[in-house]
Amino acid sequence: MAQITKDQVKHVANLARLSITEEDAEMLTQQLGAIINFAEQLNELDTEGVKPTTHVLDVKNVMREDVVKESLPREDVLKNAPDHQDGQVKVPSILE
């Protein structure tokens, strides 16, 4: 892969609405180049037969089972609502 240029760094900084000096652009060009070179080393690894992973740890979702049970009585819920009408919470309109 080609090396990153100072003009590319300035372009990305402009897209990100960052104001950088010439010194910053030079420093970032060197630092980003080093990062890219390091990442390029990964292309040299033999990954044949390695399963793709989405996470480094074997994580499983831990969720409780859905259990049907009685909900709160409507009257108790509506006691907490600042305004209600016909058994439903009434909210200010946001559409005209």
PDB file of N, CA and C in Angstrom:
ATOM      1  N   MET A   1       0.843  -1.177   0.000  1.00  0.00           N
ATOM      2  CA  MET A   1       0.000   0.000   0.000  1.00  0.00           C
ATOM      3  C   MET A   1       0.888   1.240   0.000  1.00  0.00           C
ATOM      4  N   ALA A   2       0.451   2.246  -0.698  1.00  0.00           N
ATOM      5  CA  ALA A   2       1.219   3.491  -0.785  1.00  0.00           C
ATOM      6  C   ALA A   2       1.199   4.226   0.549  1.00  0.00           C
ATOM      7  N   GLN A   3       2.230   4.996   0.762  1.00  0.00           N
ATOM      8  CA  GLN A   3       2.319   5.783   1.985  1.00  0.00           C
ATOM      9  C   GLN A   3       1.283   6.910   1.967  1.00  0.00           C
ATOM     10  N   ILE A   4       0.835   7.290   3.140  1.00  0.00           N
ATOM     11  CA  ILE A   4      -0.096   8.413   3.256  1.00  0.00           C
ATOM     12  C   ILE A   4       0.688   9.717   3.046  1.00  0.00           C
ATOM     13  N   THR A   5       0.059  10.657   2.388  1.00  0.00           N
ATOM     14  CA  THR A   5       0.738  11.921   2.098  1.00  0.00           C
ATOM     15  C   THR A   5       0.238  13.026   3.022  1.00  0.00           C
ATOM     16  N   LYS A   6       1.009  14.083   3.068  1.00  0.00           N
ATOM     17  CA  LYS A   6       0.622  15.233   3.883  1.00  0.00           C
ATOM     18  C   LYS A   6      -0.684  15.839   3.361  1.00  0.00           C
ATOM     19  N   ASP A   7      -0.856  15.839   2.036  1.00  0.00           N
ATOM     20  CA  ASP A   7      -2.090  16.371   1.455  1.00  0.00           C
ATOM     21  C   ASP A   7      -3.305  15.545   1.874  1.00  0.00           C
ATOM     22  N   GLN A   8      -3.137  14.234   1.964  1.00  0.00           N
ATOM     23  CA  GLN A   8      -4.238  13.385   2.425  1.00  0.00           C
ATOM     24  C   GLN A   8      -4.581  13.679   3.880  1.00  0.00           C
ATOM     25  N   VAL A   9      -3.563  13.870   4.693  1.00  0.00           N
ATOM     26  CA  VAL A   9      -3.792  14.200   6.107  1.00  0.00           C
ATOM     27  C   VAL A   9      -4.544  15.525   6.215  1.00  0.00           C
ATOM     28  N   LYS A  10      -4.124  16.509   5.438  1.00  0.00           N
ATOM     29  CA  LYS A  10      -4.799  17.811   5.461  1.00  0.00           C
ATOM     30  C   LYS A  10      -6.241  17.686   4.981  1.00  0.00           C
ATOM     31  N   HIS A  11      -6.456  16.858   3.969  1.00  0.00           N
ATOM     32  CA  HIS A  11      -7.807  16.667   3.442  1.00  0.00           C
ATOM     33  C   HIS A  11      -8.720  16.042   4.495  1.00  0.00           C
ATOM     34  N   VAL A  12      -8.242  15.015   5.160  1.00  0.00           N
ATOM     35  CA  VAL A  12      -9.043  14.359   6.202  1.00  0.00           C
ATOM     36  C   VAL A  12      -9.282  15.323   7.361  1.00  0.00           C
ATOM     37  N   ALA A  13      -8.279  16.091   7.730  1.00  0.00           N
ATOM     38  CA  ALA A  13      -8.448  17.078   8.807  1.00  0.00           C
ATOM     39  C   ALA A  13      -9.512  18.093   8.411  1.00  0.00           C
ATOM     40  N   ASN A  14      -9.507  18.515   7.162  1.00  0.00           N
ATOM     41  CA  ASN A  14     -10.515  19.454   6.686  1.00  0.00           C
ATOM     42  C   ASN A  14     -11.908  18.833   6.742  1.00  0.00           C
ATOM     43  N   LEU A  15     -12.036  17.574   6.325  1.00  0.00           N
ATOM     44  CA  LEU A  15     -13.328  16.888   6.389  1.00  0.00           C
ATOM     45  C   LEU A  15     -13.828  16.778   7.820  1.00  0.00           C
ATOM     46  N   ALA A  16     -12.892  16.604   8.755  1.00  0.00           N
ATOM     47  CA  ALA A  16     -13.242  16.490  10.171  1.00  0.00           C
ATOM     48  C   ALA A  16     -13.368  17.847  10.841  1.00  0.00           C
ATOM     49  N   ARG A  17     -13.220  18.903  10.051  1.00  0.00           N
ATOM     50  CA  ARG A  17     -13.302  20.279  10.550  1.00  0.00           C
ATOM     51  C   ARG A  17     -12.256  20.547  11.632  1.00  0.00           C
ATOM     52  N   LEU A  18     -11.049  19.997  11.403  1.00  0.00           N
ATOM     53  CA  LEU A  18      -9.932  20.206  12.314  1.00  0.00           C
ATOM     54  C   LEU A  18      -8.961  21.201  11.689  1.00  0.00           C
ATOM     55  N   SER A  19      -8.507  22.114  12.484  1.00  0.00           N
ATOM     56  CA  SER A  19      -7.515  23.061  12.021  1.00  0.00           C
ATOM     57  C   SER A  19      -6.147  22.557  12.475  1.00  0.00           C
ATOM     58  N   ILE A  20      -5.281  22.235  11.510  1.00  0.00           N
ATOM     59  CA  ILE A  20      -3.956  21.744  11.862  1.00  0.00           C
ATOM     60  C   ILE A  20      -2.896  22.603  11.182  1.00  0.00           C
ATOM     61  N   THR A  21      -1.768  22.711  11.854  1.00  0.00           N
ATOM     62  CA  THR A  21      -0.639  23.474  11.310  1.00  0.00           C
ATOM     63  C   THR A  21       0.186  22.572  10.401  1.00  0.00           C
ATOM     64  N   GLU A  22       1.157  23.171   9.722  1.00  0.00           N
ATOM     65  CA  GLU A  22       2.073  22.387   8.888  1.00  0.00           C
ATOM     66  C   GLU A  22       2.844  21.374   9.727  1.00  0.00           C
ATOM     67  N   GLU A  23       3.239  21.800  10.940  1.00  0.00           N
ATOM     68  CA  GLU A  23       3.949  20.884  11.846  1.00  0.00           C
ATOM     69  C   GLU A  23       3.068  19.706  12.219  1.00  0.00           C
ATOM     70  N   ASP A  24       1.786  20.008  12.544  1.00  0.00           N
ATOM     71  CA  ASP A  24       0.848  18.940  12.889  1.00  0.00           C
ATOM     72  C   ASP A  24       0.668  17.984  11.713  1.00  0.00           C
ATOM     73  N   ALA A  25       0.536  18.537  10.509  1.00  0.00           N
ATOM     74  CA  ALA A  25       0.343  17.707   9.328  1.00  0.00           C
ATOM     75  C   ALA A  25       1.535  16.791   9.106  1.00  0.00           C
ATOM     76  N   GLU A  26       2.732  17.317   9.292  1.00  0.00           N
ATOM     77  CA  GLU A  26       3.943  16.506   9.127  1.00  0.00           C
ATOM     78  C   GLU A  26       3.995  15.398  10.177  1.00  0.00           C
ATOM     79  N   MET A  27       3.718  15.748  11.445  1.00  0.00           N
ATOM     80  CA  MET A  27       3.749  14.771  12.528  1.00  0.00           C
ATOM     81  C   MET A  27       2.684  13.691  12.311  1.00  0.00           C
ATOM     82  N   LEU A  28       1.468  14.106  11.941  1.00  0.00           N
ATOM     83  CA  LEU A  28       0.390  13.142  11.731  1.00  0.00           C
ATOM     84  C   LEU A  28       0.665  12.249  10.525  1.00  0.00           C
ATOM     85  N   THR A  29       1.301  12.790   9.508  1.00  0.00           N
ATOM     86  CA  THR A  29       1.666  11.983   8.342  1.00  0.00           C
ATOM     87  C   THR A  29       2.610  10.863   8.758  1.00  0.00           C
ATOM     88  N   GLN A  30       3.596  11.190   9.573  1.00  0.00           N
ATOM     89  CA  GLN A  30       4.544  10.174  10.038  1.00  0.00           C
ATOM     90  C   GLN A  30       3.846   9.152  10.935  1.00  0.00           C
ATOM     91  N   GLN A  31       3.018   9.646  11.878  1.00  0.00           N
ATOM     92  CA  GLN A  31       2.355   8.739  12.820  1.00  0.00           C
ATOM     93  C   GLN A  31       1.357   7.824  12.112  1.00  0.00           C
ATOM     94  N   LEU A  32       0.552   8.388  11.220  1.00  0.00           N
ATOM     95  CA  LEU A  32      -0.411   7.563  10.493  1.00  0.00           C
ATOM     96  C   LEU A  32       0.297   6.592   9.559  1.00  0.00           C
ATOM     97  N   GLY A  33       1.409   7.020   8.979  1.00  0.00           N
ATOM     98  CA  GLY A  33       2.192   6.113   8.147  1.00  0.00           C
ATOM     99  C   GLY A  33       2.696   4.926   8.944  1.00  0.00           C
ATOM    100  N   ALA A  34       3.155   5.180  10.163  1.00  0.00           N
ATOM    101  CA  ALA A  34       3.638   4.092  11.026  1.00  0.00           C
ATOM    102  C   ALA A  34       2.499   3.141  11.383  1.00  0.00           C
ATOM    103  N   ILE A  35       1.319   3.690  11.643  1.00  0.00           N
ATOM    104  CA  ILE A  35       0.154   2.851  11.974  1.00  0.00           C
ATOM    105  C   ILE A  35      -0.226   1.987  10.775  1.00  0.00           C
ATOM    106  N   ILE A  36      -0.254   2.589   9.594  1.00  0.00           N
ATOM    107  CA  ILE A  36      -0.605   1.843   8.385  1.00  0.00           C
ATOM    108  C   ILE A  36       0.426   0.746   8.114  1.00  0.00           C
ATOM    109  N   ASN A  37       1.707   1.065   8.271  1.00  0.00           N
ATOM    110  CA  ASN A  37       2.755   0.054   8.068  1.00  0.00           C
ATOM    111  C   ASN A  37       2.600  -1.100   9.043  1.00  0.00           C
ATOM    112  N   PHE A  38       2.259  -0.790  10.293  1.00  0.00           N
ATOM    113  CA  PHE A  38       2.059  -1.843  11.280  1.00  0.00           C
ATOM    114  C   PHE A  38       0.869  -2.716  10.887  1.00  0.00           C
ATOM    115  N   ALA A  39      -0.228  -2.078  10.469  1.00  0.00           N
ATOM    116  CA  ALA A  39      -1.411  -2.838  10.068  1.00  0.00           C
ATOM    117  C   ALA A  39      -1.128  -3.685   8.831  1.00  0.00           C
ATOM    118  N   GLU A  40      -0.284  -3.199   7.937  1.00  0.00           N
ATOM    119  CA  GLU A  40       0.070  -3.945   6.734  1.00  0.00           C
ATOM    120  C   GLU A  40       0.795  -5.247   7.072  1.00  0.00           C
ATOM    121  N   GLN A  41       1.476  -5.280   8.207  1.00  0.00           N
ATOM    122  CA  GLN A  41       2.179  -6.502   8.611  1.00  0.00           C
ATOM    123  C   GLN A  41       1.197  -7.653   8.820  1.00  0.00           C
ATOM    124  N   LEU A  42      -0.043  -7.322   9.140  1.00  0.00           N
ATOM    125  CA  LEU A  42      -1.043  -8.367   9.345  1.00  0.00           C
ATOM    126  C   LEU A  42      -1.321  -9.132   8.055  1.00  0.00           C
ATOM    127  N   ASN A  43      -1.113  -8.493   6.903  1.00  0.00           N
ATOM    128  CA  ASN A  43      -1.323  -9.171   5.623  1.00  0.00           C
ATOM    129  C   ASN A  43      -0.308 -10.283   5.396  1.00  0.00           C
ATOM    130  N   GLU A  44       0.793 -10.259   6.121  1.00  0.00           N
ATOM    131  CA  GLU A  44       1.828 -11.277   5.969  1.00  0.00           C
ATOM    132  C   GLU A  44       1.502 -12.557   6.735  1.00  0.00           C
ATOM    133  N   LEU A  45       0.529 -12.494   7.638  1.00  0.00           N
ATOM    134  CA  LEU A  45       0.174 -13.660   8.437  1.00  0.00           C
ATOM    135  C   LEU A  45      -0.627 -14.655   7.619  1.00  0.00           C
ATOM    136  N   ASP A  46      -0.388 -15.933   7.884  1.00  0.00           N
ATOM    137  CA  ASP A  46      -1.147 -16.987   7.230  1.00  0.00           C
ATOM    138  C   ASP A  46      -2.417 -17.214   8.044  1.00  0.00           C
ATOM    139  N   THR A  47      -3.541 -16.799   7.501  1.00  0.00           N
ATOM    140  CA  THR A  47      -4.819 -16.938   8.213  1.00  0.00           C
ATOM    141  C   THR A  47      -5.690 -18.030   7.589  1.00  0.00           C
ATOM    142  N   GLU A  48      -5.097 -18.855   6.768  1.00  0.00           N
ATOM    143  CA  GLU A  48      -5.831 -19.954   6.153  1.00  0.00           C
ATOM    144  C   GLU A  48      -6.333 -20.898   7.246  1.00  0.00           C
ATOM    145  N   GLY A  49      -7.600 -21.195   7.235  1.00  0.00           N
ATOM    146  CA  GLY A  49      -8.172 -22.116   8.218  1.00  0.00           C
ATOM    147  C   GLY A  49      -8.533 -21.463   9.536  1.00  0.00           C
ATOM    148  N   VAL A  50      -8.348 -20.166   9.676  1.00  0.00           N
ATOM    149  CA  VAL A  50      -8.710 -19.469  10.910  1.00  0.00           C
ATOM    150  C   VAL A  50     -10.139 -18.945  10.767  1.00  0.00           C
ATOM    151  N   LYS A  51     -11.003 -19.356  11.701  1.00  0.00           N
ATOM    152  CA  LYS A  51     -12.392 -18.902  11.642  1.00  0.00           C
ATOM    153  C   LYS A  51     -12.466 -17.405  11.927  1.00  0.00           C
ATOM    154  N   PRO A  52     -13.261 -16.679  11.143  1.00  0.00           N
ATOM    155  CA  PRO A  52     -13.465 -15.255  11.442  1.00  0.00           C
ATOM    156  C   PRO A  52     -14.155 -15.101  12.800  1.00  0.00           C
ATOM    157  N   THR A  53     -13.767 -14.074  13.521  1.00  0.00           N
ATOM    158  CA  THR A  53     -14.386 -13.821  14.820  1.00  0.00           C
ATOM    159  C   THR A  53     -14.971 -12.420  14.841  1.00  0.00           C
ATOM    160  N   THR A  54     -16.024 -12.274  15.621  1.00  0.00           N
ATOM    161  CA  THR A  54     -16.612 -10.949  15.796  1.00  0.00           C
ATOM    162  C   THR A  54     -16.229 -10.369  17.137  1.00  0.00           C
ATOM    163  N   HIS A  55     -15.706 -11.216  18.019  1.00  0.00           N
ATOM    164  CA  HIS A  55     -15.325 -10.774  19.353  1.00  0.00           C
ATOM    165  C   HIS A  55     -14.212 -11.678  19.849  1.00  0.00           C
ATOM    166  N   VAL A  56     -13.256 -11.121  20.568  1.00  0.00           N
ATOM    167  CA  VAL A  56     -12.131 -11.933  21.021  1.00  0.00           C
ATOM    168  C   VAL A  56     -12.512 -12.901  22.128  1.00  0.00           C
ATOM    169  N   LEU A  57     -13.579 -12.593  22.851  1.00  0.00           N
ATOM    170  CA  LEU A  57     -14.037 -13.476  23.915  1.00  0.00           C
ATOM    171  C   LEU A  57     -15.295 -14.201  23.469  1.00  0.00           C
ATOM    172  N   ASP A  58     -15.499 -15.398  23.977  1.00  0.00           N
ATOM    173  CA  ASP A  58     -16.700 -16.159  23.657  1.00  0.00           C
ATOM    174  C   ASP A  58     -17.839 -15.626  24.529  1.00  0.00           C
ATOM    175  N   VAL A  59     -18.502 -14.582  24.041  1.00  0.00           N
ATOM    176  CA  VAL A  59     -19.537 -13.907  24.812  1.00  0.00           C
ATOM    177  C   VAL A  59     -20.899 -14.351  24.311  1.00  0.00           C
ATOM    178  N   LYS A  60     -21.791 -14.641  25.231  1.00  0.00           N
ATOM    179  CA  LYS A  60     -23.161 -14.996  24.890  1.00  0.00           C
ATOM    180  C   LYS A  60     -24.087 -14.002  25.584  1.00  0.00           C
ATOM    181  N   ASN A  61     -25.202 -13.708  24.915  1.00  0.00           N
ATOM    182  CA  ASN A  61     -26.192 -12.844  25.547  1.00  0.00           C
ATOM    183  C   ASN A  61     -26.792 -13.560  26.742  1.00  0.00           C
ATOM    184  N   VAL A  62     -26.807 -12.875  27.868  1.00  0.00           N
ATOM    185  CA  VAL A  62     -27.412 -13.429  29.062  1.00  0.00           C
ATOM    186  C   VAL A  62     -28.685 -12.640  29.311  1.00  0.00           C
ATOM    187  N   MET A  63     -29.798 -13.253  28.970  1.00  0.00           N
ATOM    188  CA  MET A  63     -31.075 -12.578  29.124  1.00  0.00           C
ATOM    189  C   MET A  63     -32.028 -13.501  29.858  1.00  0.00           C
ATOM    190  N   ARG A  64     -32.918 -12.881  30.559  1.00  0.00           N
ATOM    191  CA  ARG A  64     -33.908 -13.686  31.271  1.00  0.00           C
ATOM    192  C   ARG A  64     -34.958 -14.170  30.290  1.00  0.00           C
ATOM    193  N   GLU A  65     -35.621 -15.207  30.657  1.00  0.00           N
ATOM    194  CA  GLU A  65     -36.711 -15.720  29.844  1.00  0.00           C
ATOM    195  C   GLU A  65     -37.891 -14.763  29.931  1.00  0.00           C
ATOM    196  N   ASP A  66     -38.603 -14.616  28.837  1.00  0.00           N
ATOM    197  CA  ASP A  66     -39.821 -13.819  28.862  1.00  0.00           C
ATOM    198  C   ASP A  66     -40.897 -14.613  29.585  1.00  0.00           C
ATOM    199  N   VAL A  67     -41.431 -14.011  30.629  1.00  0.00           N
ATOM    200  CA  VAL A  67     -42.470 -14.661  31.408  1.00  0.00           C
ATOM    201  C   VAL A  67     -43.680 -13.742  31.412  1.00  0.00           C
ATOM    202  N   VAL A  68     -44.824 -14.298  31.034  1.00  0.00           N
ATOM    203  CA  VAL A  68     -46.056 -13.522  31.046  1.00  0.00           C
ATOM    204  C   VAL A  68     -46.527 -13.407  32.484  1.00  0.00           C
ATOM    205  N   LYS A  69     -46.777 -12.161  32.904  1.00  0.00           N
ATOM    206  CA  LYS A  69     -47.302 -11.951  34.257  1.00  0.00           C
ATOM    207  C   LYS A  69     -48.183 -10.712  34.249  1.00  0.00           C
ATOM    208  N   GLU A  70     -48.898 -10.540  35.293  1.00  0.00           N
ATOM    209  CA  GLU A  70     -49.809  -9.409  35.403  1.00  0.00           C
ATOM    210  C   GLU A  70     -49.033  -8.099  35.372  1.00  0.00           C
ATOM    211  N   SER A  71     -49.554  -7.140  34.637  1.00  0.00           N
ATOM    212  CA  SER A  71     -48.934  -5.822  34.632  1.00  0.00           C
ATOM    213  C   SER A  71     -49.636  -4.949  35.670  1.00  0.00           C
ATOM    214  N   LEU A  72     -49.156  -3.730  35.794  1.00  0.00           N
ATOM    215  CA  LEU A  72     -49.759  -2.812  36.761  1.00  0.00           C
ATOM    216  C   LEU A  72     -51.173  -2.467  36.331  1.00  0.00           C
ATOM    217  N   PRO A  73     -52.061  -2.255  37.291  1.00  0.00           N
ATOM    218  CA  PRO A  73     -53.417  -1.824  36.928  1.00  0.00           C
ATOM    219  C   PRO A  73     -53.361  -0.462  36.234  1.00  0.00           C
ATOM    220  N   ARG A  74     -54.176  -0.294  35.207  1.00  0.00           N
ATOM    221  CA  ARG A  74     -54.182   0.938  34.424  1.00  0.00           C
ATOM    222  C   ARG A  74     -54.410   2.161  35.309  1.00  0.00           C
ATOM    223  N   GLU A  75     -55.251   2.057  36.292  1.00  0.00           N
ATOM    224  CA  GLU A  75     -55.542   3.199  37.163  1.00  0.00           C
ATOM    225  C   GLU A  75     -54.291   3.645  37.924  1.00  0.00           C
ATOM    226  N   ASP A  76     -53.506   2.667  38.381  1.00  0.00           N
ATOM    227  CA  ASP A  76     -52.283   3.013  39.111  1.00  0.00           C
ATOM    228  C   ASP A  76     -51.270   3.701  38.190  1.00  0.00           C
ATOM    229  N   VAL A  77     -51.169   3.234  36.955  1.00  0.00           N
ATOM    230  CA  VAL A  77     -50.235   3.825  36.002  1.00  0.00           C
ATOM    231  C   VAL A  77     -50.670   5.252  35.671  1.00  0.00           C
ATOM    232  N   LEU A  78     -51.950   5.450  35.447  1.00  0.00           N
ATOM    233  CA  LEU A  78     -52.447   6.772  35.063  1.00  0.00           C
ATOM    234  C   LEU A  78     -52.367   7.780  36.209  1.00  0.00           C
ATOM    235  N   LYS A  79     -52.249   7.310  37.451  1.00  0.00           N
ATOM    236  CA  LYS A  79     -52.071   8.229  38.581  1.00  0.00           C
ATOM    237  C   LYS A  79     -50.774   9.014  38.433  1.00  0.00           C
ATOM    238  N   ASN A  80     -49.767   8.404  37.809  1.00  0.00           N
ATOM    239  CA  ASN A  80     -48.471   9.055  37.646  1.00  0.00           C
ATOM    240  C   ASN A  80     -48.394   9.930  36.401  1.00  0.00           C
ATOM    241  N   ALA A  81     -49.358   9.810  35.510  1.00  0.00           N
ATOM    242  CA  ALA A  81     -49.328  10.597  34.280  1.00  0.00           C
ATOM    243  C   ALA A  81     -49.827  12.005  34.559  1.00  0.00           C
ATOM    244  N   PRO A  82     -49.136  13.030  34.036  1.00  0.00           N
ATOM    245  CA  PRO A  82     -49.586  14.396  34.272  1.00  0.00           C
ATOM    246  C   PRO A  82     -50.942  14.684  33.635  1.00  0.00           C
ATOM    247  N   ASP A  83     -51.248  13.996  32.522  1.00  0.00           N
ATOM    248  CA  ASP A  83     -52.532  14.195  31.861  1.00  0.00           C
ATOM    249  C   ASP A  83     -52.905  12.889  31.174  1.00  0.00           C
ATOM    250  N   HIS A  84     -54.182  12.520  31.245  1.00  0.00           N
ATOM    251  CA  HIS A  84     -54.633  11.302  30.574  1.00  0.00           C
ATOM    252  C   HIS A  84     -56.062  11.491  30.090  1.00  0.00           C
ATOM    253  N   GLN A  85     -56.396  10.673  29.097  1.00  0.00           N
ATOM    254  CA  GLN A  85     -57.733  10.758  28.517  1.00  0.00           C
ATOM    255  C   GLN A  85     -58.101   9.392  27.960  1.00  0.00           C
ATOM    256  N   ASP A  86     -59.278   8.932  28.226  1.00  0.00           N
ATOM    257  CA  ASP A  86     -59.796   7.652  27.726  1.00  0.00           C
ATOM    258  C   ASP A  86     -58.860   6.492  28.046  1.00  0.00           C
ATOM    259  N   GLY A  87     -58.277   6.502  29.212  1.00  0.00           N
ATOM    260  CA  GLY A  87     -57.435   5.399  29.657  1.00  0.00           C
ATOM    261  C   GLY A  87     -56.043   5.401  29.057  1.00  0.00           C
ATOM    262  N   GLN A  88     -55.631   6.495  28.419  1.00  0.00           N
ATOM    263  CA  GLN A  88     -54.299   6.573  27.829  1.00  0.00           C
ATOM    264  C   GLN A  88     -53.618   7.850  28.279  1.00  0.00           C
ATOM    265  N   VAL A  89     -52.270   7.809  28.295  1.00  0.00           N
ATOM    266  CA  VAL A  89     -51.496   8.983  28.665  1.00  0.00           C
ATOM    267  C   VAL A  89     -51.611   9.990  27.538  1.00  0.00           C
ATOM    268  N   LYS A  90     -51.904  11.240  27.886  1.00  0.00           N
ATOM    269  CA  LYS A  90     -52.056  12.292  26.898  1.00  0.00           C
ATOM    270  C   LYS A  90     -50.772  13.128  26.880  1.00  0.00           C
ATOM    271  N   VAL A  91     -50.199  13.301  25.686  1.00  0.00           N
ATOM    272  CA  VAL A  91     -48.963  14.062  25.530  1.00  0.00           C
ATOM    273  C   VAL A  91     -49.199  15.209  24.565  1.00  0.00           C
ATOM    274  N   PRO A  92     -48.363  16.249  24.650  1.00  0.00           N
ATOM    275  CA  PRO A  92     -48.528  17.364  23.723  1.00  0.00           C
ATOM    276  C   PRO A  92     -48.269  16.912  22.277  1.00  0.00           C
ATOM    277  N   SER A  93     -49.005  17.486  21.357  1.00  0.00           N
ATOM    278  CA  SER A  93     -48.837  17.176  19.933  1.00  0.00           C
ATOM    279  C   SER A  93     -47.533  17.781  19.434  1.00  0.00           C
ATOM    280  N   ILE A  94     -46.811  17.014  18.604  1.00  0.00           N
ATOM    281  CA  ILE A  94     -45.577  17.546  18.023  1.00  0.00           C
ATOM    282  C   ILE A  94     -45.727  17.766  16.526  1.00  0.00           C
ATOM    283  N   LEU A  95     -46.842  17.336  15.970  1.00  0.00           N
ATOM    284  CA  LEU A  95     -47.115  17.517  14.548  1.00  0.00           C
ATOM    285  C   LEU A  95     -48.218  18.536  14.378  1.00  0.00           C
ATOM    286  N   GLU A  96     -48.128  19.281  13.289  1.00  0.00           N
ATOM    287  CA  GLU A  96     -49.184  20.264  13.037  1.00  0.00           C
ATOM    288  C   GLU A  96     -50.259  19.690  12.157  1.00  0.00           C
TER     289      GLU A  96
END
